Amino acid sequence: MTFSNTGGGQALVSDKLFNRFSKSNASEKGNGLGLSIIKKIADIHGWQISYYFFNNLHSFSVNF
């Protein structure tokens, strides 16, 4: 299952992406809790979640 949105015009920092309240830099808005909760749910169920940025779309895929 893949979800995509236009969001910002550049890729997110993937090594911090699923950390709670992480920010790319101090002047930007953080990720909050949502992505860390999704990651935890995926881990519990043995699912794989991935992120990619292409054609100005942020996409998250969950493989069951």
Protein backbone atom coordinates (compact mmCIF):
# COMPACT_ATOMS: atom_id res chain seq x y z
CA MET A 1 0.00 0.00 0.00
CA THR A 2 1.45 3.39 -0.96
CA PHE A 3 0.44 6.87 0.19
CA SER A 4 1.75 9.99 -1.56
CA ASN A 5 1.46 13.75 -1.13
CA THR A 6 3.07 16.87 -2.51
CA GLY A 7 4.30 18.31 0.83
CA GLY A 8 7.53 20.34 0.65
CA GLY A 9 9.65 20.59 -2.47
CA GLN A 10 12.56 18.46 -1.26
CA ALA A 11 13.10 14.97 0.13
CA LEU A 12 12.85 14.39 3.88
CA VAL A 13 15.91 13.31 5.87
CA SER A 14 15.40 9.56 5.85
CA ASP A 15 17.67 8.70 8.80
CA LYS A 16 15.52 10.84 11.16
CA LEU A 17 12.19 10.27 9.45
CA PHE A 18 10.62 7.88 11.96
CA ASN A 19 12.04 9.52 15.12
CA ARG A 20 9.55 11.33 17.35
CA PHE A 21 9.50 15.12 16.85
CA SER A 22 12.59 15.01 14.60
CA LYS A 23 13.55 17.99 12.46
CA SER A 24 15.83 18.34 9.45
CA ASN A 25 17.12 21.56 10.99
CA ALA A 26 16.14 23.82 13.88
CA SER A 27 14.23 26.31 11.70
CA GLU A 28 11.86 23.76 10.17
CA LYS A 29 8.66 22.16 11.41
CA GLY A 30 9.15 18.69 12.91
CA ASN A 31 7.56 15.35 12.06
CA GLY A 32 5.57 15.02 15.29
CA LEU A 33 4.46 11.57 16.43
CA GLY A 34 2.57 10.19 13.43
CA LEU A 35 5.41 8.59 11.50
CA SER A 36 6.99 7.08 14.62
CA ILE A 37 3.62 5.52 15.56
CA ILE A 38 3.21 4.08 12.04
CA LYS A 39 6.75 2.67 12.20
CA LYS A 40 6.09 1.03 15.57
CA ILE A 41 2.86 -0.57 14.29
CA ALA A 42 4.71 -1.85 11.20
CA ASP A 43 7.50 -3.30 13.36
CA ILE A 44 5.08 -5.07 15.70
CA HIS A 45 3.31 -6.74 12.76
CA GLY A 46 6.47 -7.52 10.78
CA TRP A 47 5.57 -5.11 7.98
CA GLN A 48 8.14 -3.06 6.09
CA ILE A 49 7.68 0.70 5.64
CA SER A 50 9.73 2.75 3.21
CA TYR A 51 9.91 6.35 2.02
CA TYR A 52 10.88 7.80 -1.32
CA PHE A 53 10.69 11.19 -3.04
CA PHE A 54 10.12 11.36 -6.80
CA ASN A 55 8.56 13.99 -9.12
CA ASN A 56 7.86 16.27 -6.11
CA LEU A 57 5.84 13.54 -4.39
CA HIS A 58 6.62 12.15 -0.94
CA SER A 59 5.60 8.50 -0.91
CA PHE A 60 5.37 5.99 1.91
CA SER A 61 4.91 2.31 1.13
CA VAL A 62 3.86 -0.39 3.57
CA ASN A 63 4.58 -3.97 2.54
CA PHE A 64 2.51 -6.56 4.39
